[in-house]
Amino acid sequence: KMTSMLDLLNASVNNCRLDTGSKQLNNLLSGGISRCSITEFAGQAGSGKTQIILQLAVKLAADGLFAVILDTEGKICTERILEMIHSAGLDSPNDIMDKILIRKCTDRSDLMATILLLSNLVKIKGNIG
């Protein structure tokens, strides 16, 4: 079967997206979270922002990639990440935890400075999802 250039382009774009595990959320995000970019989740307290971020980070780390979380609310709990790793039946929880990089940003200037340093982190680590 012949493949059109449009099909190839669409396939390459889809490969740059991370499946969220939710068909509805993937549809809203045009196929998932864009990889190697900054994605902000906003919503009311208790809406699942932290949960989805942790799920995505564990998925990336389990696939051997680094995940970077910029925590602006101080709600990232390492114990919860370990629970998620164990409940998913993943091997080597310490290796997975080592690939999840968390930076707590206390104010806007701290967040902006951290964002500016991300390109250096990508150069150093190389395989960031």
C-alpha atoms as a PDB file:
ATOM      1  CA  LYS A   1       0.000   0.000   0.000  1.00  0.00           C
ATOM      2  CA  MET A   2       1.270   3.454  -0.914  1.00  0.00           C
ATOM      3  CA  THR A   3       1.463   6.116   1.788  1.00  0.00           C
ATOM      4  CA  SER A   4       0.820   9.785   1.096  1.00  0.00           C
ATOM      5  CA  MET A   5       3.074  12.554   2.353  1.00  0.00           C
ATOM      6  CA  LEU A   6       0.178  13.820   4.470  1.00  0.00           C
ATOM      7  CA  ASP A   7      -0.087  10.418   6.171  1.00  0.00           C
ATOM      8  CA  LEU A   8       3.661  10.454   6.855  1.00  0.00           C
ATOM      9  CA  LEU A   9       3.476  13.980   8.237  1.00  0.00           C
ATOM     10  CA  ASN A  10       0.542  13.082  10.484  1.00  0.00           C
ATOM     11  CA  ALA A  11       2.365   9.985  11.721  1.00  0.00           C
ATOM     12  CA  SER A  12       5.470  12.025  12.589  1.00  0.00           C
ATOM     13  CA  VAL A  13       3.368  14.610  14.429  1.00  0.00           C
ATOM     14  CA  ASN A  14       1.533  11.885  16.376  1.00  0.00           C
ATOM     15  CA  ASN A  15       4.875  10.324  17.367  1.00  0.00           C
ATOM     16  CA  CYS A  16       5.726  13.613  19.096  1.00  0.00           C
ATOM     17  CA  ARG A  17       2.765  13.236  21.436  1.00  0.00           C
ATOM     18  CA  LEU A  18       2.507  11.386  24.712  1.00  0.00           C
ATOM     19  CA  ASP A  19      -0.627   9.340  25.277  1.00  0.00           C
ATOM     20  CA  THR A  20      -2.340  10.550  28.464  1.00  0.00           C
ATOM     21  CA  GLY A  21      -4.133   7.264  29.034  1.00  0.00           C
ATOM     22  CA  SER A  22      -7.484   8.981  28.482  1.00  0.00           C
ATOM     23  CA  LYS A  23      -9.097   8.897  25.034  1.00  0.00           C
ATOM     24  CA  GLN A  24     -11.147  12.018  25.797  1.00  0.00           C
ATOM     25  CA  LEU A  25      -8.143  14.003  27.037  1.00  0.00           C
ATOM     26  CA  ASN A  26      -6.059  12.847  24.063  1.00  0.00           C
ATOM     27  CA  ASN A  27      -8.806  14.078  21.724  1.00  0.00           C
ATOM     28  CA  LEU A  28      -8.876  17.471  23.454  1.00  0.00           C
ATOM     29  CA  LEU A  29      -5.101  17.700  23.111  1.00  0.00           C
ATOM     30  CA  SER A  30      -4.991  16.668  19.427  1.00  0.00           C
ATOM     31  CA  GLY A  31      -3.567  13.246  20.181  1.00  0.00           C
ATOM     32  CA  GLY A  32      -1.926  13.703  23.577  1.00  0.00           C
ATOM     33  CA  ILE A  33       0.599  15.896  25.336  1.00  0.00           C
ATOM     34  CA  SER A  34       3.169  17.454  23.049  1.00  0.00           C
ATOM     35  CA  ARG A  35       6.560  16.001  23.983  1.00  0.00           C
ATOM     36  CA  CYS A  36       9.630  18.139  24.607  1.00  0.00           C
ATOM     37  CA  SER A  37       7.495  21.163  25.334  1.00  0.00           C
ATOM     38  CA  ILE A  38       5.995  22.875  28.323  1.00  0.00           C
ATOM     39  CA  THR A  39       2.396  21.972  29.098  1.00  0.00           C
ATOM     40  CA  GLU A  40       0.461  23.749  31.823  1.00  0.00           C
ATOM     41  CA  PHE A  41      -2.504  22.137  33.538  1.00  0.00           C
ATOM     42  CA  ALA A  42      -4.939  24.560  35.134  1.00  0.00           C
ATOM     43  CA  GLY A  43      -8.146  23.906  37.022  1.00  0.00           C
ATOM     44  CA  GLN A  44      -9.899  23.936  40.332  1.00  0.00           C
ATOM     45  CA  ALA A  45      -8.470  22.221  43.390  1.00  0.00           C
ATOM     46  CA  GLY A  46      -9.132  18.499  43.259  1.00  0.00           C
ATOM     47  CA  SER A  47      -9.677  18.386  39.492  1.00  0.00           C
ATOM     48  CA  GLY A  48      -6.789  15.924  38.906  1.00  0.00           C
ATOM     49  CA  LYS A  49      -4.003  18.215  37.680  1.00  0.00           C
ATOM     50  CA  THR A  50      -1.344  16.694  39.904  1.00  0.00           C
ATOM     51  CA  GLN A  51      -2.567  13.151  39.255  1.00  0.00           C
ATOM     52  CA  ILE A  52      -2.260  13.438  35.464  1.00  0.00           C
ATOM     53  CA  ILE A  53       1.169  15.050  35.750  1.00  0.00           C
ATOM     54  CA  LEU A  54       2.431  12.248  37.984  1.00  0.00           C
ATOM     55  CA  GLN A  55       0.955   9.581  35.685  1.00  0.00           C
ATOM     56  CA  LEU A  56       2.684  11.120  32.678  1.00  0.00           C
ATOM     57  CA  ALA A  57       5.986  11.433  34.546  1.00  0.00           C
ATOM     58  CA  VAL A  58       5.894   7.778  35.628  1.00  0.00           C
ATOM     59  CA  LYS A  59       5.058   6.717  32.054  1.00  0.00           C
ATOM     60  CA  LEU A  60       7.976   8.696  30.610  1.00  0.00           C
ATOM     61  CA  ALA A  61      10.402   7.436  33.264  1.00  0.00           C
ATOM     62  CA  ALA A  62       9.262   3.829  32.779  1.00  0.00           C
ATOM     63  CA  ASP A  63      10.017   4.279  29.063  1.00  0.00           C
ATOM     64  CA  GLY A  64      13.578   5.361  29.970  1.00  0.00           C
ATOM     65  CA  LEU A  65      13.070   9.094  29.459  1.00  0.00           C
ATOM     66  CA  PHE A  66      13.499  11.909  31.932  1.00  0.00           C
ATOM     67  CA  ALA A  67      10.383  13.783  33.034  1.00  0.00           C
ATOM     68  CA  VAL A  68      10.639  17.322  34.363  1.00  0.00           C
ATOM     69  CA  ILE A  69       7.925  18.642  36.663  1.00  0.00           C
ATOM     70  CA  LEU A  70       7.819  22.308  37.598  1.00  0.00           C
ATOM     71  CA  ASP A  71       5.826  22.307  40.827  1.00  0.00           C
ATOM     72  CA  THR A  72       4.257  25.711  41.432  1.00  0.00           C
ATOM     73  CA  GLU A  73       1.870  24.606  44.176  1.00  0.00           C
ATOM     74  CA  GLY A  74       4.162  22.465  46.348  1.00  0.00           C
ATOM     75  CA  LYS A  75       1.876  19.447  45.961  1.00  0.00           C
ATOM     76  CA  ILE A  76       4.191  16.886  44.375  1.00  0.00           C
ATOM     77  CA  CYS A  77       4.521  13.962  46.778  1.00  0.00           C
ATOM     78  CA  THR A  78       7.250  11.378  46.199  1.00  0.00           C
ATOM     79  CA  GLU A  79       5.302   8.796  48.183  1.00  0.00           C
ATOM     80  CA  ARG A  80       2.434   9.111  45.679  1.00  0.00           C
ATOM     81  CA  ILE A  81       4.844   8.573  42.785  1.00  0.00           C
ATOM     82  CA  LEU A  82       6.121   5.384  44.453  1.00  0.00           C
ATOM     83  CA  GLU A  83       2.533   4.186  44.953  1.00  0.00           C
ATOM     84  CA  MET A  84       1.846   4.716  41.259  1.00  0.00           C
ATOM     85  CA  ILE A  85       5.000   2.824  40.256  1.00  0.00           C
ATOM     86  CA  HIS A  86       4.099  -0.112  42.491  1.00  0.00           C
ATOM     87  CA  SER A  87       0.436  -0.201  41.461  1.00  0.00           C
ATOM     88  CA  ALA A  88       1.505  -0.274  37.796  1.00  0.00           C
ATOM     89  CA  GLY A  89       3.698  -3.298  38.585  1.00  0.00           C
ATOM     90  CA  LEU A  90       6.810  -1.597  37.246  1.00  0.00           C
ATOM     91  CA  ASP A  91      10.254  -2.965  37.998  1.00  0.00           C
ATOM     92  CA  SER A  92      13.138  -0.886  39.365  1.00  0.00           C
ATOM     93  CA  PRO A  93      11.238   1.864  41.213  1.00  0.00           C
ATOM     94  CA  ASN A  94      14.502   3.605  42.134  1.00  0.00           C
ATOM     95  CA  ASP A  95      15.540   3.826  38.475  1.00  0.00           C
ATOM     96  CA  ILE A  96      12.140   5.293  37.605  1.00  0.00           C
ATOM     97  CA  MET A  97      12.305   7.780  40.487  1.00  0.00           C
ATOM     98  CA  ASP A  98      15.780   8.878  39.318  1.00  0.00           C
ATOM     99  CA  LYS A  99      14.286   9.866  35.964  1.00  0.00           C
ATOM    100  CA  ILE A 100      11.586  12.117  37.446  1.00  0.00           C
ATOM    101  CA  LEU A 101      13.077  15.553  38.039  1.00  0.00           C
ATOM    102  CA  ILE A 102      11.039  17.906  40.201  1.00  0.00           C
ATOM    103  CA  ARG A 103      11.725  21.594  40.651  1.00  0.00           C
ATOM    104  CA  LYS A 104       9.634  23.514  43.168  1.00  0.00           C
ATOM    105  CA  CYS A 105       9.141  27.051  41.897  1.00  0.00           C
ATOM    106  CA  THR A 106       8.180  29.422  44.684  1.00  0.00           C
ATOM    107  CA  ASP A 107       7.266  32.494  42.644  1.00  0.00           C
ATOM    108  CA  ARG A 108       6.971  33.785  39.094  1.00  0.00           C
ATOM    109  CA  SER A 109      10.602  34.848  38.778  1.00  0.00           C
ATOM    110  CA  ASP A 110      11.777  31.432  40.016  1.00  0.00           C
ATOM    111  CA  LEU A 111       9.492  29.744  37.467  1.00  0.00           C
ATOM    112  CA  MET A 112      10.750  31.932  34.609  1.00  0.00           C
ATOM    113  CA  ALA A 113      14.395  31.345  35.562  1.00  0.00           C
ATOM    114  CA  THR A 114      13.784  27.594  35.688  1.00  0.00           C
ATOM    115  CA  ILE A 115      12.117  27.623  32.265  1.00  0.00           C
ATOM    116  CA  LEU A 116      15.125  29.462  30.823  1.00  0.00           C
ATOM    117  CA  LEU A 117      17.446  26.774  32.217  1.00  0.00           C
ATOM    118  CA  LEU A 118      15.475  23.885  30.700  1.00  0.00           C
ATOM    119  CA  SER A 119      17.351  24.035  27.388  1.00  0.00           C
ATOM    120  CA  ASN A 120      20.611  23.440  29.284  1.00  0.00           C
ATOM    121  CA  LEU A 121      19.041  20.483  31.057  1.00  0.00           C
ATOM    122  CA  VAL A 122      17.997  18.994  27.722  1.00  0.00           C
ATOM    123  CA  LYS A 123      21.583  19.346  26.454  1.00  0.00           C
ATOM    124  CA  ILE A 124      22.966  17.645  29.583  1.00  0.00           C
ATOM    125  CA  LYS A 125      20.408  14.839  29.991  1.00  0.00           C
ATOM    126  CA  GLY A 126      19.548  14.391  26.336  1.00  0.00           C
ATOM    127  CA  ASN A 127      16.585  12.045  26.613  1.00  0.00           C
ATOM    128  CA  ILE A 128      13.890  14.192  28.134  1.00  0.00           C
ATOM    129  CA  GLY A 129      10.310  13.339  27.207  1.00  0.00           C
END
